[in-house]
Amino acid sequence: MFRSVARAGDLIFVIGMIGRDEAGRVADGIVAQTRHALKRIDDLLAEQGLGREAIVRIRFFLTDMQEWPAARWVIGEFFHDDVPPALALAVVALADPSMKIEIEVEASAAVVT
């Protein structure tokens, strides 16, 4: 099984976050998928003793860039419009055809809040 989190010193890498709901189903629509993925990132960082303020880079992989404005709105809400350096990329597909977005972040335990 692949790990979703890896730590190298003060650096924490969270990859492969998709929008699954609490029952493990892919949520319906880009807004819900983005919210669930970001919530999971929050949870995984908390397990490392960190909050979202530790995120220093974020990447978004979308199957349809037409949906980027809706995802971006959720991201702005999540980060209170203080989004870390970010990159959005269009991809042909994700592992499950119902997935619209996948998110990965790099965080640093050395970030002072």
PDB file of N, CA and C in Angstrom:
ATOM      1  N   MET A   1       0.844  -1.184   0.000  1.00  0.00           N
ATOM      2  CA  MET A   1       0.000   0.000   0.000  1.00  0.00           C
ATOM      3  C   MET A   1       0.886   1.243   0.000  1.00  0.00           C
ATOM      4  N   PHE A   2       0.494   2.228  -0.775  1.00  0.00           N
ATOM      5  CA  PHE A   2       1.233   3.477  -0.847  1.00  0.00           C
ATOM      6  C   PHE A   2       0.917   4.338   0.370  1.00  0.00           C
ATOM      7  N   ARG A   3       1.932   5.040   0.869  1.00  0.00           N
ATOM      8  CA  ARG A   3       1.714   5.985   1.962  1.00  0.00           C
ATOM      9  C   ARG A   3       1.280   7.323   1.387  1.00  0.00           C
ATOM     10  N   SER A   4       0.462   8.042   2.126  1.00  0.00           N
ATOM     11  CA  SER A   4       0.020   9.377   1.708  1.00  0.00           C
ATOM     12  C   SER A   4       0.904  10.474   2.271  1.00  0.00           C
ATOM     13  N   VAL A   5       1.666  10.138   3.319  1.00  0.00           N
ATOM     14  CA  VAL A   5       2.512  11.127   3.987  1.00  0.00           C
ATOM     15  C   VAL A   5       3.919  10.567   4.134  1.00  0.00           C
ATOM     16  N   ALA A   6       4.885  11.424   3.853  1.00  0.00           N
ATOM     17  CA  ALA A   6       6.284  11.072   4.105  1.00  0.00           C
ATOM     18  C   ALA A   6       6.935  12.284   4.751  1.00  0.00           C
ATOM     19  N   ARG A   7       7.860  12.011   5.644  1.00  0.00           N
ATOM     20  CA  ARG A   7       8.559  13.094   6.337  1.00  0.00           C
ATOM     21  C   ARG A   7      10.056  12.907   6.132  1.00  0.00           C
ATOM     22  N   ALA A   8      10.745  14.008   5.819  1.00  0.00           N
ATOM     23  CA  ALA A   8      12.195  14.039   5.680  1.00  0.00           C
ATOM     24  C   ALA A   8      12.676  15.248   6.470  1.00  0.00           C
ATOM     25  N   GLY A   9      13.077  15.001   7.700  1.00  0.00           N
ATOM     26  CA  GLY A   9      13.466  16.104   8.577  1.00  0.00           C
ATOM     27  C   GLY A   9      12.278  16.991   8.856  1.00  0.00           C
ATOM     28  N   ASP A  10      12.403  18.275   8.530  1.00  0.00           N
ATOM     29  CA  ASP A  10      11.325  19.227   8.750  1.00  0.00           C
ATOM     30  C   ASP A  10      10.316  19.272   7.601  1.00  0.00           C
ATOM     31  N   LEU A  11      10.587  18.549   6.506  1.00  0.00           N
ATOM     32  CA  LEU A  11       9.700  18.574   5.349  1.00  0.00           C
ATOM     33  C   LEU A  11       8.685  17.441   5.409  1.00  0.00           C
ATOM     34  N   ILE A  12       7.452  17.766   5.127  1.00  0.00           N
ATOM     35  CA  ILE A  12       6.367  16.789   5.109  1.00  0.00           C
ATOM     36  C   ILE A  12       5.720  16.850   3.737  1.00  0.00           C
ATOM     37  N   PHE A  13       5.556  15.693   3.119  1.00  0.00           N
ATOM     38  CA  PHE A  13       4.958  15.577   1.799  1.00  0.00           C
ATOM     39  C   PHE A  13       3.643  14.814   1.935  1.00  0.00           C
ATOM     40  N   VAL A  14       2.561  15.435   1.491  1.00  0.00           N
ATOM     41  CA  VAL A  14       1.243  14.795   1.501  1.00  0.00           C
ATOM     42  C   VAL A  14       0.806  14.705   0.041  1.00  0.00           C
ATOM     43  N   ILE A  15       0.608  13.484  -0.437  1.00  0.00           N
ATOM     44  CA  ILE A  15       0.283  13.315  -1.852  1.00  0.00           C
ATOM     45  C   ILE A  15      -0.978  12.474  -2.037  1.00  0.00           C
ATOM     46  N   GLY A  16      -1.535  12.592  -3.223  1.00  0.00           N
ATOM     47  CA  GLY A  16      -2.644  11.745  -3.612  1.00  0.00           C
ATOM     48  C   GLY A  16      -3.954  12.008  -2.913  1.00  0.00           C
ATOM     49  N   MET A  17      -4.188  13.251  -2.459  1.00  0.00           N
ATOM     50  CA  MET A  17      -5.439  13.531  -1.768  1.00  0.00           C
ATOM     51  C   MET A  17      -6.547  13.779  -2.784  1.00  0.00           C
ATOM     52  N   ILE A  18      -7.548  12.932  -2.696  1.00  0.00           N
ATOM     53  CA  ILE A  18      -8.710  13.046  -3.571  1.00  0.00           C
ATOM     54  C   ILE A  18      -9.941  13.287  -2.712  1.00  0.00           C
ATOM     55  N   GLY A  19     -11.024  13.606  -3.357  1.00  0.00           N
ATOM     56  CA  GLY A  19     -12.239  13.981  -2.644  1.00  0.00           C
ATOM     57  C   GLY A  19     -13.150  12.834  -2.286  1.00  0.00           C
ATOM     58  N   ARG A  20     -12.705  11.982  -1.398  1.00  0.00           N
ATOM     59  CA  ARG A  20     -13.572  10.907  -0.903  1.00  0.00           C
ATOM     60  C   ARG A  20     -14.319  11.393   0.334  1.00  0.00           C
ATOM     61  N   ASP A  21     -15.577  10.993   0.435  1.00  0.00           N
ATOM     62  CA  ASP A  21     -16.366  11.356   1.608  1.00  0.00           C
ATOM     63  C   ASP A  21     -16.059  10.397   2.757  1.00  0.00           C
ATOM     64  N   GLU A  22     -16.733  10.579   3.870  1.00  0.00           N
ATOM     65  CA  GLU A  22     -16.467   9.780   5.073  1.00  0.00           C
ATOM     66  C   GLU A  22     -16.717   8.285   4.849  1.00  0.00           C
ATOM     67  N   ALA A  23     -17.564   7.949   3.889  1.00  0.00           N
ATOM     68  CA  ALA A  23     -17.861   6.543   3.587  1.00  0.00           C
ATOM     69  C   ALA A  23     -16.865   5.952   2.584  1.00  0.00           C
ATOM     70  N   GLY A  24     -15.925   6.769   2.114  1.00  0.00           N
ATOM     71  CA  GLY A  24     -14.922   6.283   1.175  1.00  0.00           C
ATOM     72  C   GLY A  24     -15.317   6.406  -0.285  1.00  0.00           C
ATOM     73  N   ARG A  25     -16.478   6.995  -0.546  1.00  0.00           N
ATOM     74  CA  ARG A  25     -16.928   7.198  -1.927  1.00  0.00           C
ATOM     75  C   ARG A  25     -16.390   8.523  -2.451  1.00  0.00           C
ATOM     76  N   VAL A  26     -16.101   8.566  -3.752  1.00  0.00           N
ATOM     77  CA  VAL A  26     -15.697   9.826  -4.360  1.00  0.00           C
ATOM     78  C   VAL A  26     -16.896  10.763  -4.302  1.00  0.00           C
ATOM     79  N   ALA A  27     -16.693  11.940  -3.715  1.00  0.00           N
ATOM     80  CA  ALA A  27     -17.770  12.923  -3.562  1.00  0.00           C
ATOM     81  C   ALA A  27     -18.237  13.410  -4.932  1.00  0.00           C
ATOM     82  N   ASP A  28     -19.425  13.953  -4.957  1.00  0.00           N
ATOM     83  CA  ASP A  28     -20.037  14.402  -6.202  1.00  0.00           C
ATOM     84  C   ASP A  28     -19.663  15.853  -6.488  1.00  0.00           C
ATOM     85  N   GLY A  29     -18.952  16.091  -7.570  1.00  0.00           N
ATOM     86  CA  GLY A  29     -18.650  17.445  -8.018  1.00  0.00           C
ATOM     87  C   GLY A  29     -17.332  17.994  -7.510  1.00  0.00           C
ATOM     88  N   ILE A  30     -16.817  18.970  -8.234  1.00  0.00           N
ATOM     89  CA  ILE A  30     -15.510  19.554  -7.939  1.00  0.00           C
ATOM     90  C   ILE A  30     -15.472  20.258  -6.589  1.00  0.00           C
ATOM     91  N   VAL A  31     -16.530  20.949  -6.200  1.00  0.00           N
ATOM     92  CA  VAL A  31     -16.543  21.671  -4.923  1.00  0.00           C
ATOM     93  C   VAL A  31     -16.429  20.688  -3.767  1.00  0.00           C
ATOM     94  N   ALA A  32     -17.263  19.666  -3.756  1.00  0.00           N
ATOM     95  CA  ALA A  32     -17.229  18.678  -2.674  1.00  0.00           C
ATOM     96  C   ALA A  32     -15.914  17.902  -2.674  1.00  0.00           C
ATOM     97  N   GLN A  33     -15.424  17.539  -3.836  1.00  0.00           N
ATOM     98  CA  GLN A  33     -14.162  16.804  -3.894  1.00  0.00           C
ATOM     99  C   GLN A  33     -13.006  17.651  -3.370  1.00  0.00           C
ATOM    100  N   THR A  34     -12.986  18.918  -3.733  1.00  0.00           N
ATOM    101  CA  THR A  34     -11.919  19.804  -3.255  1.00  0.00           C
ATOM    102  C   THR A  34     -12.003  19.959  -1.738  1.00  0.00           C
ATOM    103  N   ARG A  35     -13.183  20.156  -1.212  1.00  0.00           N
ATOM    104  CA  ARG A  35     -13.351  20.290   0.249  1.00  0.00           C
ATOM    105  C   ARG A  35     -12.876  19.037   0.984  1.00  0.00           C
ATOM    106  N   HIS A  36     -13.288  17.865   0.511  1.00  0.00           N
ATOM    107  CA  HIS A  36     -12.899  16.618   1.182  1.00  0.00           C
ATOM    108  C   HIS A  36     -11.384  16.404   1.121  1.00  0.00           C
ATOM    109  N   ALA A  37     -10.777  16.684  -0.031  1.00  0.00           N
ATOM    110  CA  ALA A  37      -9.332  16.511  -0.167  1.00  0.00           C
ATOM    111  C   ALA A  37      -8.578  17.449   0.776  1.00  0.00           C
ATOM    112  N   LEU A  38      -9.008  18.706   0.847  1.00  0.00           N
ATOM    113  CA  LEU A  38      -8.348  19.665   1.736  1.00  0.00           C
ATOM    114  C   LEU A  38      -8.550  19.294   3.203  1.00  0.00           C
ATOM    115  N   LYS A  39      -9.712  18.789   3.547  1.00  0.00           N
ATOM    116  CA  LYS A  39      -9.963  18.339   4.925  1.00  0.00           C
ATOM    117  C   LYS A  39      -9.023  17.188   5.279  1.00  0.00           C
ATOM    118  N   ARG A  40      -8.839  16.264   4.348  1.00  0.00           N
ATOM    119  CA  ARG A  40      -7.937  15.126   4.590  1.00  0.00           C
ATOM    120  C   ARG A  40      -6.499  15.623   4.765  1.00  0.00           C
ATOM    121  N   ILE A  41      -6.106  16.615   3.992  1.00  0.00           N
ATOM    122  CA  ILE A  41      -4.769  17.207   4.151  1.00  0.00           C
ATOM    123  C   ILE A  41      -4.634  17.800   5.544  1.00  0.00           C
ATOM    124  N   ASP A  42      -5.647  18.540   5.988  1.00  0.00           N
ATOM    125  CA  ASP A  42      -5.653  19.090   7.351  1.00  0.00           C
ATOM    126  C   ASP A  42      -5.443  17.975   8.383  1.00  0.00           C
ATOM    127  N   ASP A  43      -6.189  16.887   8.231  1.00  0.00           N
ATOM    128  CA  ASP A  43      -6.106  15.768   9.179  1.00  0.00           C
ATOM    129  C   ASP A  43      -4.713  15.141   9.188  1.00  0.00           C
ATOM    130  N   LEU A  44      -4.142  14.941   8.006  1.00  0.00           N
ATOM    131  CA  LEU A  44      -2.814  14.312   7.924  1.00  0.00           C
ATOM    132  C   LEU A  44      -1.731  15.225   8.483  1.00  0.00           C
ATOM    133  N   LEU A  45      -1.847  16.511   8.244  1.00  0.00           N
ATOM    134  CA  LEU A  45      -0.879  17.448   8.833  1.00  0.00           C
ATOM    135  C   LEU A  45      -1.015  17.486  10.350  1.00  0.00           C
ATOM    136  N   ALA A  46      -2.248  17.432  10.836  1.00  0.00           N
ATOM    137  CA  ALA A  46      -2.472  17.419  12.290  1.00  0.00           C
ATOM    138  C   ALA A  46      -1.807  16.206  12.927  1.00  0.00           C
ATOM    139  N   GLU A  47      -1.824  15.067  12.232  1.00  0.00           N
ATOM    140  CA  GLU A  47      -1.137  13.873  12.745  1.00  0.00           C
ATOM    141  C   GLU A  47       0.363  14.100  12.875  1.00  0.00           C
ATOM    142  N   GLN A  48       0.895  15.052  12.105  1.00  0.00           N
ATOM    143  CA  GLN A  48       2.315  15.412  12.167  1.00  0.00           C
ATOM    144  C   GLN A  48       2.552  16.574  13.130  1.00  0.00           C
ATOM    145  N   GLY A  49       1.483  17.016  13.801  1.00  0.00           N
ATOM    146  CA  GLY A  49       1.588  18.130  14.737  1.00  0.00           C
ATOM    147  C   GLY A  49       1.609  19.483  14.056  1.00  0.00           C
ATOM    148  N   LEU A  50       1.073  19.563  12.839  1.00  0.00           N
ATOM    149  CA  LEU A  50       1.116  20.795  12.065  1.00  0.00           C
ATOM    150  C   LEU A  50      -0.276  21.231  11.632  1.00  0.00           C
ATOM    151  N   GLY A  51      -0.381  22.498  11.278  1.00  0.00           N
ATOM    152  CA  GLY A  51      -1.612  23.040  10.706  1.00  0.00           C
ATOM    153  C   GLY A  51      -1.363  23.458   9.279  1.00  0.00           C
ATOM    154  N   ARG A  52      -2.391  23.945   8.628  1.00  0.00           N
ATOM    155  CA  ARG A  52      -2.269  24.325   7.211  1.00  0.00           C
ATOM    156  C   ARG A  52      -1.297  25.480   6.999  1.00  0.00           C
ATOM    157  N   GLU A  53      -1.010  26.251   8.058  1.00  0.00           N
ATOM    158  CA  GLU A  53      -0.039  27.347   7.912  1.00  0.00           C
ATOM    159  C   GLU A  53       1.368  26.827   7.618  1.00  0.00           C
ATOM    160  N   ALA A  54       1.610  25.536   7.839  1.00  0.00           N
ATOM    161  CA  ALA A  54       2.909  24.935   7.547  1.00  0.00           C
ATOM    162  C   ALA A  54       3.087  24.602   6.064  1.00  0.00           C
ATOM    163  N   ILE A  55       2.007  24.672   5.288  1.00  0.00           N
ATOM    164  CA  ILE A  55       2.086  24.350   3.857  1.00  0.00           C
ATOM    165  C   ILE A  55       2.899  25.417   3.143  1.00  0.00           C
ATOM    166  N   VAL A  56       3.920  24.970   2.412  1.00  0.00           N
ATOM    167  CA  VAL A  56       4.783  25.898   1.683  1.00  0.00           C
ATOM    168  C   VAL A  56       4.624  25.782   0.170  1.00  0.00           C
ATOM    169  N   ARG A  57       3.957  24.720  -0.279  1.00  0.00           N
ATOM    170  CA  ARG A  57       3.713  24.556  -1.715  1.00  0.00           C
ATOM    171  C   ARG A  57       2.546  23.598  -1.884  1.00  0.00           C
ATOM    172  N   ILE A  58       1.728  23.866  -2.913  1.00  0.00           N
ATOM    173  CA  ILE A  58       0.569  23.024  -3.159  1.00  0.00           C
ATOM    174  C   ILE A  58       0.399  22.847  -4.667  1.00  0.00           C
ATOM    175  N   ARG A  59       0.005  21.631  -5.058  1.00  0.00           N
ATOM    176  CA  ARG A  59      -0.238  21.327  -6.470  1.00  0.00           C
ATOM    177  C   ARG A  59      -1.630  20.729  -6.616  1.00  0.00           C
ATOM    178  N   PHE A  60      -2.307  21.176  -7.654  1.00  0.00           N
ATOM    179  CA  PHE A  60      -3.644  20.692  -7.964  1.00  0.00           C
ATOM    180  C   PHE A  60      -3.604  20.046  -9.342  1.00  0.00           C
ATOM    181  N   PHE A  61      -4.147  18.854  -9.438  1.00  0.00           N
ATOM    182  CA  PHE A  61      -4.242  18.152 -10.711  1.00  0.00           C
ATOM    183  C   PHE A  61      -5.731  18.036 -11.036  1.00  0.00           C
ATOM    184  N   LEU A  62      -6.150  18.650 -12.133  1.00  0.00           N
ATOM    185  CA  LEU A  62      -7.564  18.676 -12.509  1.00  0.00           C
ATOM    186  C   LEU A  62      -7.780  18.003 -13.858  1.00  0.00           C
ATOM    187  N   THR A  63      -8.879  17.291 -13.967  1.00  0.00           N
ATOM    188  CA  THR A  63      -9.220  16.653 -15.237  1.00  0.00           C
ATOM    189  C   THR A  63      -9.925  17.607 -16.182  1.00  0.00           C
ATOM    190  N   ASP A  64     -10.399  18.735 -15.680  1.00  0.00           N
ATOM    191  CA  ASP A  64     -11.101  19.722 -16.508  1.00  0.00           C
ATOM    192  C   ASP A  64     -10.799  21.116 -15.977  1.00  0.00           C
ATOM    193  N   MET A  65      -9.972  21.853 -16.680  1.00  0.00           N
ATOM    194  CA  MET A  65      -9.589  23.196 -16.220  1.00  0.00           C
ATOM    195  C   MET A  65     -10.766  24.166 -16.216  1.00  0.00           C
ATOM    196  N   GLN A  66     -11.862  23.824 -16.867  1.00  0.00           N
ATOM    197  CA  GLN A  66     -13.058  24.657 -16.802  1.00  0.00           C
ATOM    198  C   GLN A  66     -13.607  24.688 -15.378  1.00  0.00           C
ATOM    199  N   GLU A  67     -13.255  23.687 -14.573  1.00  0.00           N
ATOM    200  CA  GLU A  67     -13.732  23.619 -13.192  1.00  0.00           C
ATOM    201  C   GLU A  67     -12.773  24.283 -12.202  1.00  0.00           C
ATOM    202  N   TRP A  68     -11.659  24.805 -12.696  1.00  0.00           N
ATOM    203  CA  TRP A  68     -10.677  25.446 -11.828  1.00  0.00           C
ATOM    204  C   TRP A  68     -11.268  26.621 -11.048  1.00  0.00           C
ATOM    205  N   PRO A  69     -12.087  27.496 -11.635  1.00  0.00           N
ATOM    206  CA  PRO A  69     -12.642  28.603 -10.841  1.00  0.00           C
ATOM    207  C   PRO A  69     -13.423  28.120  -9.604  1.00  0.00           C
ATOM    208  N   ALA A  70     -14.196  27.064  -9.739  1.00  0.00           N
ATOM    209  CA  ALA A  70     -14.957  26.543  -8.589  1.00  0.00           C
ATOM    210  C   ALA A  70     -14.017  25.965  -7.542  1.00  0.00           C
ATOM    211  N   ALA A  71     -13.008  25.206  -7.989  1.00  0.00           N
ATOM    212  CA  ALA A  71     -12.028  24.643  -7.050  1.00  0.00           C
ATOM    213  C   ALA A  71     -11.253  25.775  -6.373  1.00  0.00           C
ATOM    214  N   ARG A  72     -10.879  26.770  -7.154  1.00  0.00           N
ATOM    215  CA  ARG A  72     -10.110  27.898  -6.612  1.00  0.00           C
ATOM    216  C   ARG A  72     -10.906  28.648  -5.537  1.00  0.00           C
ATOM    217  N   TRP A  73     -12.203  28.758  -5.723  1.00  0.00           N
ATOM    218  CA  TRP A  73     -13.057  29.404  -4.727  1.00  0.00           C
ATOM    219  C   TRP A  73     -12.987  28.644  -3.395  1.00  0.00           C
ATOM    220  N   VAL A  74     -13.092  27.309  -3.444  1.00  0.00           N
ATOM    221  CA  VAL A  74     -13.004  26.485  -2.232  1.00  0.00           C
ATOM    222  C   VAL A  74     -11.621  26.630  -1.595  1.00  0.00           C
ATOM    223  N   ILE A  75     -10.592  26.646  -2.409  1.00  0.00           N
ATOM    224  CA  ILE A  75      -9.218  26.770  -1.919  1.00  0.00           C
ATOM    225  C   ILE A  75      -9.028  28.112  -1.216  1.00  0.00           C
ATOM    226  N   GLY A  76      -9.538  29.192  -1.814  1.00  0.00           N
ATOM    227  CA  GLY A  76      -9.457  30.514  -1.187  1.00  0.00           C
ATOM    228  C   GLY A  76     -10.171  30.546   0.146  1.00  0.00           C
ATOM    229  N   GLU A  77     -11.340  29.904   0.198  1.00  0.00           N
ATOM    230  CA  GLU A  77     -12.104  29.819   1.451  1.00  0.00           C
ATOM    231  C   GLU A  77     -11.318  29.029   2.509  1.00  0.00           C
ATOM    232  N   PHE A  78     -10.725  27.921   2.112  1.00  0.00           N
ATOM    233  CA  PHE A  78      -9.969  27.049   3.010  1.00  0.00           C
ATOM    234  C   PHE A  78      -8.760  27.775   3.600  1.00  0.00           C
ATOM    235  N   PHE A  79      -8.050  28.522   2.753  1.00  0.00           N
ATOM    236  CA  PHE A  79      -6.844  29.233   3.191  1.00  0.00           C
ATOM    237  C   PHE A  79      -7.124  30.683   3.579  1.00  0.00           C
ATOM    238  N   HIS A  80      -8.381  31.064   3.661  1.00  0.00           N
ATOM    239  CA  HIS A  80      -8.750  32.447   4.001  1.00  0.00           C
ATOM    240  C   HIS A  80      -8.035  33.435   3.083  1.00  0.00           C
ATOM    241  N   ASP A  81      -8.009  33.095   1.785  1.00  0.00           N
ATOM    242  CA  ASP A  81      -7.401  33.910   0.728  1.00  0.00           C
ATOM    243  C   ASP A  81      -5.911  34.163   0.917  1.00  0.00           C
ATOM    244  N   ASP A  82      -5.242  33.330   1.719  1.00  0.00           N
ATOM    245  CA  ASP A  82      -3.790  33.405   1.882  1.00  0.00           C
ATOM    246  C   ASP A  82      -3.201  32.068   1.406  1.00  0.00           C
ATOM    247  N   VAL A  83      -3.401  31.800   0.112  1.00  0.00           N
ATOM    248  CA  VAL A  83      -3.006  30.517  -0.470  1.00  0.00           C
ATOM    249  C   VAL A  83      -1.485  30.479  -0.641  1.00  0.00           C
ATOM    250  N   PRO A  84      -0.852  29.383  -0.203  1.00  0.00           N
ATOM    251  CA  PRO A  84       0.585  29.245  -0.414  1.00  0.00           C
ATOM    252  C   PRO A  84       0.900  29.157  -1.912  1.00  0.00           C
ATOM    253  N   PRO A  85       2.177  29.242  -2.288  1.00  0.00           N
ATOM    254  CA  PRO A  85       2.511  29.077  -3.699  1.00  0.00           C
ATOM    255  C   PRO A  85       1.846  27.808  -4.243  1.00  0.00           C
ATOM    256  N   ALA A  86       1.187  27.973  -5.388  1.00  0.00           N
ATOM    257  CA  ALA A  86       0.378  26.874  -5.906  1.00  0.00           C
ATOM    258  C   ALA A  86       0.536  26.745  -7.412  1.00  0.00           C
ATOM    259  N   LEU A  87       0.290  25.537  -7.871  1.00  0.00           N
ATOM    260  CA  LEU A  87       0.346  25.223  -9.286  1.00  0.00           C
ATOM    261  C   LEU A  87      -0.859  24.360  -9.620  1.00  0.00           C
ATOM    262  N   ALA A  88      -1.576  24.723 -10.661  1.00  0.00           N
ATOM    263  CA  ALA A  88      -2.710  23.919 -11.123  1.00  0.00           C
ATOM    264  C   ALA A  88      -2.349  23.338 -12.483  1.00  0.00           C
ATOM    265  N   LEU A  89      -2.519  22.038 -12.602  1.00  0.00           N
ATOM    266  CA  LEU A  89      -2.170  21.338 -13.831  1.00  0.00           C
ATOM    267  C   LEU A  89      -3.363  20.569 -14.363  1.00  0.00           C
ATOM    268  N   ALA A  90      -3.527  20.575 -15.673  1.00  0.00           N
ATOM    269  CA  ALA A  90      -4.555  19.756 -16.308  1.00  0.00           C
ATOM    270  C   ALA A  90      -3.961  18.379 -16.586  1.00  0.00           C
ATOM    271  N   VAL A  91      -4.720  17.354 -16.269  1.00  0.00           N
ATOM    272  CA  VAL A  91      -4.304  15.983 -16.550  1.00  0.00           C
ATOM    273  C   VAL A  91      -5.393  15.300 -17.370  1.00  0.00           C
ATOM    274  N   VAL A  92      -5.016  14.288 -18.107  1.00  0.00           N
ATOM    275  CA  VAL A  92      -5.976  13.575 -18.943  1.00  0.00           C
ATOM    276  C   VAL A  92      -6.979  12.828 -18.083  1.00  0.00           C
ATOM    277  N   ALA A  93      -6.503  12.197 -17.016  1.00  0.00           N
ATOM    278  CA  ALA A  93      -7.384  11.419 -16.147  1.00  0.00           C
ATOM    279  C   ALA A  93      -6.701  11.191 -14.815  1.00  0.00           C
ATOM    280  N   LEU A  94      -7.501  10.825 -13.817  1.00  0.00           N
ATOM    281  CA  LEU A  94      -6.997  10.399 -12.522  1.00  0.00           C
ATOM    282  C   LEU A  94      -7.339   8.915 -12.373  1.00  0.00           C
ATOM    283  N   ALA A  95      -6.951   8.304 -11.282  1.00  0.00           N
ATOM    284  CA  ALA A  95      -7.087   6.851 -11.105  1.00  0.00           C
ATOM    285  C   ALA A  95      -8.519   6.344 -11.242  1.00  0.00           C
ATOM    286  N   ASP A  96      -9.483   7.142 -10.842  1.00  0.00           N
ATOM    287  CA  ASP A  96     -10.904   6.781 -10.924  1.00  0.00           C
ATOM    288  C   ASP A  96     -11.566   7.821 -11.840  1.00  0.00           C
ATOM    289  N   PRO A  97     -12.328   7.392 -12.826  1.00  0.00           N
ATOM    290  CA  PRO A  97     -12.936   8.350 -13.759  1.00  0.00           C
ATOM    291  C   PRO A  97     -13.849   9.386 -13.103  1.00  0.00           C
ATOM    292  N   SER A  98     -14.354   9.108 -11.897  1.00  0.00           N
ATOM    293  CA  SER A  98     -15.221  10.083 -11.227  1.00  0.00           C
ATOM    294  C   SER A  98     -14.433  11.157 -10.471  1.00  0.00           C
ATOM    295  N   MET A  99     -13.123  10.981 -10.349  1.00  0.00           N
ATOM    296  CA  MET A  99     -12.291  11.986  -9.674  1.00  0.00           C
ATOM    297  C   MET A  99     -12.050  13.165 -10.595  1.00  0.00           C
ATOM    298  N   LYS A 100     -12.221  14.357 -10.038  1.00  0.00           N
ATOM    299  CA  LYS A 100     -12.023  15.580 -10.797  1.00  0.00           C
ATOM    300  C   LYS A 100     -10.765  16.334 -10.382  1.00  0.00           C
ATOM    301  N   ILE A 101     -10.284  16.084  -9.154  1.00  0.00           N
ATOM    302  CA  ILE A 101      -9.132  16.816  -8.631  1.00  0.00           C
ATOM    303  C   ILE A 101      -8.330  15.917  -7.700  1.00  0.00           C
ATOM    304  N   GLU A 102      -7.029  16.098  -7.735  1.00  0.00           N
ATOM    305  CA  GLU A 102      -6.122  15.459  -6.785  1.00  0.00           C
ATOM    306  C   GLU A 102      -5.175  16.552  -6.304  1.00  0.00           C
ATOM    307  N   ILE A 103      -4.866  16.522  -5.011  1.00  0.00           N
ATOM    308  CA  ILE A 103      -4.062  17.591  -4.420  1.00  0.00           C
ATOM    309  C   ILE A 103      -2.868  16.989  -3.689  1.00  0.00           C
ATOM    310  N   GLU A 104      -1.737  17.668  -3.802  1.00  0.00           N
ATOM    311  CA  GLU A 104      -0.572  17.307  -3.003  1.00  0.00           C
ATOM    312  C   GLU A 104       0.043  18.572  -2.429  1.00  0.00           C
ATOM    313  N   VAL A 105       0.619  18.440  -1.238  1.00  0.00           N
ATOM    314  CA  VAL A 105       1.240  19.593  -0.589  1.00  0.00           C
ATOM    315  C   VAL A 105       2.609  19.214  -0.038  1.00  0.00           C
ATOM    316  N   GLU A 106       3.408  20.237   0.107  1.00  0.00           N
ATOM    317  CA  GLU A 106       4.660  20.138   0.842  1.00  0.00           C
ATOM    318  C   GLU A 106       4.526  21.101   2.011  1.00  0.00           C
ATOM    319  N   ALA A 107       4.907  20.641   3.180  1.00  0.00           N
ATOM    320  CA  ALA A 107       4.812  21.468   4.378  1.00  0.00           C
ATOM    321  C   ALA A 107       6.159  21.442   5.089  1.00  0.00           C
ATOM    322  N   SER A 108       6.356  22.397   5.961  1.00  0.00           N
ATOM    323  CA  SER A 108       7.593  22.469   6.726  1.00  0.00           C
ATOM    324  C   SER A 108       7.290  22.640   8.210  1.00  0.00           C
ATOM    325  N   ALA A 109       7.867  21.762   8.998  1.00  0.00           N
ATOM    326  CA  ALA A 109       7.716  21.861  10.448  1.00  0.00           C
ATOM    327  C   ALA A 109       8.507  23.045  10.990  1.00  0.00           C
ATOM    328  N   ALA A 110       9.368  23.611  10.162  1.00  0.00           N
ATOM    329  CA  ALA A 110      10.185  24.752  10.592  1.00  0.00           C
ATOM    330  C   ALA A 110       9.447  26.075  10.419  1.00  0.00           C
ATOM    331  N   VAL A 111       8.266  26.058   9.806  1.00  0.00           N
ATOM    332  CA  VAL A 111       7.502  27.299   9.615  1.00  0.00           C
ATOM    333  C   VAL A 111       7.042  27.794  10.988  1.00  0.00           C
ATOM    334  N   VAL A 112       7.340  29.040  11.274  1.00  0.00           N
ATOM    335  CA  VAL A 112       6.942  29.642  12.547  1.00  0.00           C
ATOM    336  C   VAL A 112       5.604  30.341  12.341  1.00  0.00           C
ATOM    337  N   THR A 113       4.651  30.076  13.230  1.00  0.00           N
ATOM    338  CA  THR A 113       3.339  30.709  13.098  1.00  0.00           C
ATOM    339  C   THR A 113       3.146  31.751  14.169  1.00  0.00           C
TER     340      THR A 113
END
